[in-house]
Amino acid sequence: MQKISTEELIQYIYNETSVSQSTLIKDSLENDWNLREEYEQLKNTIEEVSSLSFSPNSKTIDNILKYA
């Protein structure tokens, strides 16, 4: 069985793998507990990061508006 890299798992999560590569990864996830654990951790991390919201400090906005 081919070793699946972290990069390939990330591509799989983002649906950026070919059909054949997706099939290989899916089969590997079903048979390799360690790989499945890594996949779940990556997926959870990506979901958490995606849900973060960033906004500038109000003082920063004021400084920009004063400059403009």
C-alpha atoms as a PDB file:
ATOM      1  CA  MET A   1       0.000   0.000   0.000  1.00  0.00           C
ATOM      2  CA  GLN A   2       1.265   3.460  -0.930  1.00  0.00           C
ATOM      3  CA  LYS A   3       2.152   5.873   1.874  1.00  0.00           C
ATOM      4  CA  ILE A   4      -0.252   8.843   1.914  1.00  0.00           C
ATOM      5  CA  SER A   5       1.382  12.169   2.776  1.00  0.00           C
ATOM      6  CA  THR A   6      -0.067  14.952   4.898  1.00  0.00           C
ATOM      7  CA  GLU A   7      -0.162  17.146   1.813  1.00  0.00           C
ATOM      8  CA  GLU A   8      -2.254  14.550  -0.015  1.00  0.00           C
ATOM      9  CA  LEU A   9      -4.649  14.361   2.922  1.00  0.00           C
ATOM     10  CA  ILE A  10      -5.100  18.130   2.843  1.00  0.00           C
ATOM     11  CA  GLN A  11      -5.736  18.009  -0.893  1.00  0.00           C
ATOM     12  CA  TYR A  12      -8.282  15.246  -0.277  1.00  0.00           C
ATOM     13  CA  ILE A  13     -10.063  17.329   2.372  1.00  0.00           C
ATOM     14  CA  TYR A  14     -10.299  20.227  -0.084  1.00  0.00           C
ATOM     15  CA  ASN A  15     -11.453  17.882  -2.894  1.00  0.00           C
ATOM     16  CA  GLU A  16      -8.335  18.641  -4.929  1.00  0.00           C
ATOM     17  CA  THR A  17      -7.371  15.051  -5.705  1.00  0.00           C
ATOM     18  CA  SER A  18      -8.059  13.052  -8.827  1.00  0.00           C
ATOM     19  CA  VAL A  19     -10.676  10.319  -8.783  1.00  0.00           C
ATOM     20  CA  SER A  20      -8.023   7.594  -8.655  1.00  0.00           C
ATOM     21  CA  GLN A  21      -6.074   9.361  -5.910  1.00  0.00           C
ATOM     22  CA  SER A  22      -9.289   9.938  -3.917  1.00  0.00           C
ATOM     23  CA  THR A  23     -10.111   6.243  -4.176  1.00  0.00           C
ATOM     24  CA  LEU A  24      -6.639   5.301  -2.978  1.00  0.00           C
ATOM     25  CA  ILE A  25      -6.836   7.707  -0.037  1.00  0.00           C
ATOM     26  CA  LYS A  26     -10.337   6.548   0.887  1.00  0.00           C
ATOM     27  CA  ASP A  27      -9.221   2.919   0.886  1.00  0.00           C
ATOM     28  CA  SER A  28      -6.157   3.796   2.933  1.00  0.00           C
ATOM     29  CA  LEU A  29      -8.273   5.679   5.467  1.00  0.00           C
ATOM     30  CA  GLU A  30     -10.468   2.613   5.918  1.00  0.00           C
ATOM     31  CA  ASN A  31      -7.489   0.337   6.534  1.00  0.00           C
ATOM     32  CA  ASP A  32      -4.961   2.498   8.378  1.00  0.00           C
ATOM     33  CA  TRP A  33      -6.015   3.692  11.817  1.00  0.00           C
ATOM     34  CA  ASN A  34      -3.049   6.081  12.180  1.00  0.00           C
ATOM     35  CA  LEU A  35      -3.784   7.695   8.839  1.00  0.00           C
ATOM     36  CA  ARG A  36      -7.455   8.024   9.788  1.00  0.00           C
ATOM     37  CA  GLU A  37      -6.475   9.739  13.033  1.00  0.00           C
ATOM     38  CA  GLU A  38      -4.216  12.186  11.170  1.00  0.00           C
ATOM     39  CA  TYR A  39      -7.021  12.850   8.678  1.00  0.00           C
ATOM     40  CA  GLU A  40      -9.522  13.597  11.463  1.00  0.00           C
ATOM     41  CA  GLN A  41      -7.073  15.949  13.190  1.00  0.00           C
ATOM     42  CA  LEU A  42      -6.374  17.808   9.955  1.00  0.00           C
ATOM     43  CA  LYS A  43     -10.053  18.046   9.103  1.00  0.00           C
ATOM     44  CA  ASN A  44     -10.925  19.399  12.558  1.00  0.00           C
ATOM     45  CA  THR A  45      -8.082  21.909  12.446  1.00  0.00           C
ATOM     46  CA  ILE A  46      -9.124  23.149   9.000  1.00  0.00           C
ATOM     47  CA  GLU A  47     -12.725  23.538  10.184  1.00  0.00           C
ATOM     48  CA  GLU A  48     -11.611  25.475  13.273  1.00  0.00           C
ATOM     49  CA  VAL A  49      -9.337  27.790  11.293  1.00  0.00           C
ATOM     50  CA  SER A  50     -12.063  28.369   8.700  1.00  0.00           C
ATOM     51  CA  SER A  51     -14.478  29.472  11.408  1.00  0.00           C
ATOM     52  CA  LEU A  52     -12.132  32.134  12.807  1.00  0.00           C
ATOM     53  CA  SER A  53     -12.965  35.739  12.172  1.00  0.00           C
ATOM     54  CA  PHE A  54     -10.350  38.458  12.020  1.00  0.00           C
ATOM     55  CA  SER A  55     -10.875  42.196  12.155  1.00  0.00           C
ATOM     56  CA  PRO A  56      -8.474  45.097  12.662  1.00  0.00           C
ATOM     57  CA  ASN A  57      -8.283  47.024  15.893  1.00  0.00           C
ATOM     58  CA  SER A  58     -10.499  50.142  15.876  1.00  0.00           C
ATOM     59  CA  LYS A  59      -7.420  52.328  16.569  1.00  0.00           C
ATOM     60  CA  THR A  60      -5.827  50.946  13.407  1.00  0.00           C
ATOM     61  CA  ILE A  61      -8.920  51.837  11.380  1.00  0.00           C
ATOM     62  CA  ASP A  62      -8.938  55.350  12.868  1.00  0.00           C
ATOM     63  CA  ASN A  63      -5.271  55.815  11.941  1.00  0.00           C
ATOM     64  CA  ILE A  64      -5.926  54.739   8.365  1.00  0.00           C
ATOM     65  CA  LEU A  65      -8.915  57.058   8.062  1.00  0.00           C
ATOM     66  CA  LYS A  66      -6.901  59.969   9.473  1.00  0.00           C
ATOM     67  CA  TYR A  67      -4.131  59.307   6.978  1.00  0.00           C
ATOM     68  CA  ALA A  68      -6.527  59.068   4.024  1.00  0.00           C
END
